């Protein structure tokens, strides 16, 4: 770690991300980023980094990074996934940099014509047409599965605290969220919050570290192009929590509603 300038703490960064300021420079748009485009953004004043297929503009985060600017610059304009995993795999970068999300890396085109030429030598033309359609269907199915996995991965949560409040933030990336899709039960130190997303459910289920009041507030916010749900708890005692609590077996899971029980 390196010494940070005054006003560059984690809480300062969180306040900046919640300020509504455009941290990507794209005015809320998400784009597909090619390798060539990514490589152009390799300077401190214009630095994009790819992590697990997603590209972030980390320029605003430079002065807030505990490891210093030089560490971030090691991955400037490139895929920094391996470097990230070596240094701090446990960090929830999706949440930390959510307001810096530029978009996804562009998928490289599949060389289908060469494949078809090979099959053209060993099967009739009508069979090639059938094979091509089957290939397209397989790609569509894989795309649907990847989309579902993206929802699962991005349905994660953070929690923050003040002297009197605990706020649990769940990033759903689900359109048209409303109160009927959120079920929260909180009694003394036991919290169970469930969010319904189509035929799936996401669950936050913990024994809280300290007691809270049974009155629970909820909040729904449109964050760029996806929704976040906030569960707000009132502390019974104005003390600092070291952790949210002990998770139950179903905590932080995203499964079909019929399998939830």
Protein backbone atom coordinates (compact mmCIF):
# COMPACT_ATOMS: atom_id res chain seq x y z
CA UNK A 1 0.00 0.00 0.00
CA UNK A 2 0.99 3.62 -0.57
CA UNK A 3 -0.01 6.80 1.32
CA UNK A 4 -3.06 8.40 -0.27
CA UNK A 5 -3.79 12.10 -0.54
CA UNK A 6 -6.31 13.59 1.92
CA UNK A 7 -9.86 13.01 0.71
CA UNK A 8 -8.91 9.85 -1.19
CA UNK A 9 -10.13 7.16 1.24
CA UNK A 10 -12.46 4.28 0.39
CA UNK A 11 -15.44 6.20 1.78
CA UNK A 12 -14.46 9.21 -0.34
CA UNK A 13 -14.47 6.95 -3.40
CA UNK A 14 -17.89 5.55 -2.47
CA UNK A 15 -19.24 9.07 -2.09
CA UNK A 16 -17.84 9.98 -5.52
CA UNK A 17 -19.47 6.94 -7.14
CA UNK A 18 -22.81 7.87 -5.59
CA UNK A 19 -22.54 11.54 -6.65
CA UNK A 20 -23.95 10.94 -10.12
CA UNK A 21 -20.77 12.16 -11.82
CA UNK A 22 -19.96 10.57 -15.18
CA UNK A 23 -16.90 8.46 -14.36
CA UNK A 24 -16.67 6.69 -17.71
CA UNK A 25 -16.76 9.70 -20.00
CA UNK A 26 -19.48 8.00 -22.04
CA UNK A 27 -22.53 9.67 -20.46
CA UNK A 28 -24.07 6.41 -19.31
CA UNK A 29 -23.59 4.48 -22.56
CA UNK A 30 -22.14 0.96 -22.55
CA UNK A 31 -20.07 -0.01 -25.57
CA UNK A 32 -18.31 -3.00 -27.08
CA UNK A 33 -14.55 -2.55 -26.84
CA UNK A 34 -12.13 -4.07 -29.33
CA UNK A 35 -8.58 -5.01 -28.37
CA UNK A 36 -7.33 -2.20 -30.60
CA UNK A 37 -9.57 0.37 -28.87
CA UNK A 38 -8.57 -0.90 -25.42
CA UNK A 39 -4.87 -0.55 -26.23
CA UNK A 40 -5.31 3.16 -27.06
CA UNK A 41 -6.34 3.97 -23.47
CA UNK A 42 -3.00 3.32 -21.79
CA UNK A 43 -2.12 6.63 -20.09
CA UNK A 44 -2.73 7.88 -16.53
CA UNK A 45 -5.10 10.54 -17.79
CA UNK A 46 -6.91 8.00 -19.99
CA UNK A 47 -6.65 4.49 -18.58
CA UNK A 48 -8.93 1.56 -19.43
CA UNK A 49 -8.44 -1.93 -17.99
CA UNK A 50 -10.19 -5.20 -18.84
CA UNK A 51 -11.08 -7.65 -16.05
CA UNK A 52 -12.84 -10.90 -16.96
CA UNK A 53 -14.22 -9.55 -20.21
CA UNK A 54 -15.46 -6.22 -18.82
CA UNK A 55 -13.69 -2.92 -19.48
CA UNK A 56 -13.42 -0.18 -16.85
CA UNK A 57 -12.20 3.41 -17.10
CA UNK A 58 -10.02 3.48 -13.99
CA UNK A 59 -8.74 7.02 -14.59
CA UNK A 60 -10.96 8.54 -11.85
CA UNK A 61 -9.90 5.73 -9.47
CA UNK A 62 -6.15 6.35 -9.85
CA UNK A 63 -5.72 8.52 -6.75
CA UNK A 64 -7.99 6.25 -4.65
CA UNK A 65 -6.19 2.97 -5.37
CA UNK A 66 -4.50 1.72 -2.16
CA UNK A 67 -1.69 0.14 -4.19
CA UNK A 68 -0.89 3.35 -6.00
CA UNK A 69 -1.14 4.54 -9.57
CA UNK A 70 1.88 2.56 -10.77
CA UNK A 71 0.17 -0.75 -9.93
CA UNK A 72 -2.89 0.17 -11.98
CA UNK A 73 -0.72 1.32 -14.87
CA UNK A 74 0.78 -2.17 -15.16
CA UNK A 75 -2.50 -3.22 -16.77
CA UNK A 76 -3.28 0.01 -18.64
CA UNK A 77 -4.83 -0.66 -22.03
CA UNK A 78 -4.67 -4.44 -21.57
CA UNK A 79 -6.42 -7.41 -19.99
CA UNK A 80 -5.47 -7.13 -16.31
CA UNK A 81 -7.31 -10.25 -15.10
CA UNK A 82 -4.21 -12.31 -14.31
CA UNK A 83 -2.50 -9.39 -12.55
CA UNK A 84 -5.66 -8.68 -10.54
CA UNK A 85 -5.95 -12.34 -9.47
CA UNK A 86 -2.31 -12.41 -8.36
CA UNK A 87 -2.62 -9.32 -6.16
CA UNK A 88 -6.17 -9.18 -4.75
CA UNK A 89 -8.52 -11.82 -6.15
CA UNK A 90 -10.83 -11.34 -3.12
CA UNK A 91 -11.66 -7.69 -3.91
CA UNK A 92 -15.19 -7.11 -5.24
CA UNK A 93 -14.09 -5.06 -8.23
CA UNK A 94 -17.54 -5.32 -9.89
CA UNK A 95 -18.98 -3.26 -7.06
CA UNK A 96 -15.95 -1.03 -6.53
CA UNK A 97 -15.78 0.00 -10.20
CA UNK A 98 -19.42 -0.35 -11.24
CA UNK A 99 -19.69 3.36 -12.08
CA UNK A 100 -16.54 3.08 -14.21
CA UNK A 101 -17.89 0.32 -16.46
CA UNK A 102 -17.25 1.16 -20.12
CA UNK A 103 -18.66 -2.07 -21.56
CA UNK A 104 -17.74 -5.59 -22.64
CA UNK A 105 -14.87 -6.75 -24.78
CA UNK A 106 -16.01 -7.41 -28.33
CA UNK A 107 -16.33 -11.08 -29.18
CA UNK A 108 -13.87 -12.16 -31.83
CA UNK A 109 -15.62 -13.37 -35.01
CA UNK A 110 -15.69 -17.12 -35.55
CA UNK A 111 -14.08 -18.29 -38.76
CA UNK A 112 -17.21 -20.13 -39.92
CA UNK A 113 -16.49 -19.93 -43.68
CA UNK A 114 -13.32 -22.05 -43.31
CA UNK A 115 -15.26 -24.64 -41.33
CA UNK A 116 -17.99 -24.76 -43.96
CA UNK A 117 -15.39 -25.27 -46.69
CA UNK A 118 -14.11 -28.34 -44.87
CA UNK A 119 -17.63 -29.76 -44.52
CA UNK A 120 -18.38 -28.93 -48.17
CA UNK A 121 -15.85 -31.58 -49.17
CA UNK A 122 -17.51 -34.34 -47.15
CA UNK A 123 -21.28 -33.66 -47.23
CA UNK A 124 -23.96 -32.46 -49.69
CA UNK A 125 -24.98 -28.79 -49.84
CA UNK A 126 -28.41 -29.35 -48.25
CA UNK A 127 -26.78 -31.03 -45.25
CA UNK A 128 -24.42 -28.07 -44.89
CA UNK A 129 -27.45 -25.76 -44.65
CA UNK A 130 -28.94 -27.93 -41.87
CA UNK A 131 -25.58 -28.02 -40.05
CA UNK A 132 -25.25 -24.22 -40.34
CA UNK A 133 -28.70 -23.67 -38.83
CA UNK A 134 -27.88 -26.10 -36.02
CA UNK A 135 -24.62 -24.24 -35.39
CA UNK A 136 -26.52 -20.93 -35.13
CA UNK A 137 -29.02 -22.46 -32.66
CA UNK A 138 -26.14 -23.74 -30.51
CA UNK A 139 -24.60 -20.26 -30.47
CA UNK A 140 -27.94 -18.73 -29.41
CA UNK A 141 -28.32 -21.27 -26.60
CA UNK A 142 -24.77 -20.60 -25.39
CA UNK A 143 -25.45 -16.87 -25.51
CA UNK A 144 -28.58 -17.35 -23.36
CA UNK A 145 -26.64 -19.42 -20.83
CA UNK A 146 -23.87 -16.83 -20.67
CA UNK A 147 -26.47 -14.11 -20.10
CA UNK A 148 -27.98 -16.09 -17.22
CA UNK A 149 -24.51 -16.58 -15.75
CA UNK A 150 -23.87 -12.85 -16.04
CA UNK A 151 -27.04 -12.16 -14.05
CA UNK A 152 -25.93 -14.67 -11.43
CA UNK A 153 -22.44 -13.19 -11.14
CA UNK A 154 -23.68 -9.62 -11.02
CA UNK A 155 -26.42 -10.33 -8.48
CA UNK A 156 -23.98 -9.67 -5.68
CA UNK A 157 -24.19 -7.32 -2.76
CA UNK A 158 -22.30 -4.81 -0.67
CA UNK A 159 -23.03 -3.34 2.71
CA UNK A 160 -22.20 0.02 4.22
CA UNK A 161 -22.77 1.57 7.61
CA UNK A 162 -23.15 4.88 9.39
CA UNK A 163 -23.37 5.41 13.15
CA UNK A 164 -27.04 4.44 13.13
CA UNK A 165 -27.75 2.58 9.87
CA UNK A 166 -26.74 -0.55 7.97
CA UNK A 167 -27.39 -0.44 4.23
CA UNK A 168 -27.25 -3.63 2.18
CA UNK A 169 -27.00 -2.94 -1.57
CA UNK A 170 -27.91 -5.68 -4.05
CA UNK A 171 -27.08 -5.14 -7.73
CA UNK A 172 -29.74 -6.99 -9.73
CA UNK A 173 -29.22 -5.80 -13.34
CA UNK A 174 -32.93 -6.53 -13.59
CA UNK A 175 -35.32 -4.14 -15.32
CA UNK A 176 -38.62 -3.00 -13.79
CA UNK A 177 -37.84 -3.79 -10.16
CA UNK A 178 -40.63 -3.05 -7.68
CA UNK A 179 -41.50 -3.66 -4.04
CA UNK A 180 -43.53 -6.80 -4.82
CA UNK A 181 -40.36 -8.53 -6.00
CA UNK A 182 -38.52 -7.98 -2.70
CA UNK A 183 -39.28 -9.92 0.50
CA UNK A 184 -37.46 -8.94 3.69
CA UNK A 185 -37.86 -10.53 7.11
CA UNK A 186 -35.79 -9.22 10.02
CA UNK A 187 -36.25 -10.31 13.61
CA UNK A 188 -33.66 -9.25 16.17
CA UNK A 189 -30.40 -10.47 14.58
CA UNK A 190 -31.80 -12.71 11.83
CA UNK A 191 -32.12 -11.21 8.35
CA UNK A 192 -33.58 -12.85 5.26
CA UNK A 193 -33.95 -10.82 2.07
CA UNK A 194 -35.15 -12.41 -1.16
CA UNK A 195 -35.35 -10.78 -4.60
CA UNK A 196 -37.44 -12.37 -7.33
CA UNK A 197 -36.03 -12.19 -10.87
CA UNK A 198 -38.34 -13.92 -13.35
CA UNK A 199 -38.35 -17.59 -12.30
CA UNK A 200 -35.21 -17.25 -10.17
CA UNK A 201 -34.59 -15.92 -6.68
CA UNK A 202 -31.56 -14.25 -5.10
CA UNK A 203 -31.12 -14.58 -1.34
CA UNK A 204 -29.31 -12.63 1.35
CA UNK A 205 -29.59 -14.63 4.58
CA UNK A 206 -27.39 -13.90 7.61
CA UNK A 207 -27.26 -13.85 11.38
CA UNK A 208 -26.38 -10.19 11.85
CA UNK A 209 -23.36 -9.29 13.97
CA UNK A 210 -25.49 -7.03 16.17
CA UNK A 211 -29.18 -6.45 16.79
CA UNK A 212 -31.27 -4.10 14.64
CA UNK A 213 -34.78 -2.72 14.87
CA UNK A 214 -37.50 -4.73 13.17
CA UNK A 215 -38.57 -1.77 11.05
CA UNK A 216 -36.89 -2.15 7.67
CA UNK A 217 -36.79 0.42 4.89
CA UNK A 218 -36.32 -0.30 1.19
CA UNK A 219 -35.07 1.73 -1.72
CA UNK A 220 -34.88 1.12 -5.46
CA UNK A 221 -32.41 3.00 -7.67
CA UNK A 222 -31.70 2.91 -11.40
CA UNK A 223 -27.91 2.69 -11.64
CA UNK A 224 -26.84 3.35 -15.23
CA UNK A 225 -28.70 0.55 -17.09
CA UNK A 226 -29.58 -1.74 -14.19
CA UNK A 227 -31.32 -1.61 -10.86
CA UNK A 228 -29.99 -1.85 -7.37
CA UNK A 229 -32.04 -2.67 -4.28
CA UNK A 230 -31.15 -1.19 -0.89
CA UNK A 231 -32.25 -2.78 2.39
CA UNK A 232 -31.84 -0.26 5.20
CA UNK A 233 -31.63 -1.43 8.82
CA UNK A 234 -31.60 0.68 11.98
CA UNK A 235 -28.91 -0.27 14.49
CA UNK A 236 -30.14 -0.80 18.05
CA UNK A 237 -26.76 0.38 19.33
CA UNK A 238 -24.62 3.02 17.63
CA UNK A 239 -21.49 0.88 17.41
CA UNK A 240 -19.16 0.05 14.54
CA UNK A 241 -19.76 -3.36 12.92
CA UNK A 242 -16.69 -5.33 11.83
CA UNK A 243 -18.78 -7.59 9.58
CA UNK A 244 -22.37 -7.94 8.43
CA UNK A 245 -22.83 -11.31 10.11
CA UNK A 246 -22.59 -15.07 9.73
CA UNK A 247 -24.09 -16.39 6.46
CA UNK A 248 -26.66 -19.15 6.32
CA UNK A 249 -26.45 -22.00 3.84
CA UNK A 250 -28.58 -20.24 1.24
CA UNK A 251 -26.84 -16.87 1.55
CA UNK A 252 -25.76 -15.11 -1.67
CA UNK A 253 -27.29 -17.78 -3.92
CA UNK A 254 -29.18 -17.35 -7.19
CA UNK A 255 -31.34 -20.38 -8.04
CA UNK A 256 -34.72 -21.30 -9.49
CA UNK A 257 -37.64 -20.33 -7.26
CA UNK A 258 -38.97 -23.89 -7.37
CA UNK A 259 -35.70 -25.11 -5.84
CA UNK A 260 -35.72 -22.50 -3.08
CA UNK A 261 -38.40 -24.13 -0.93
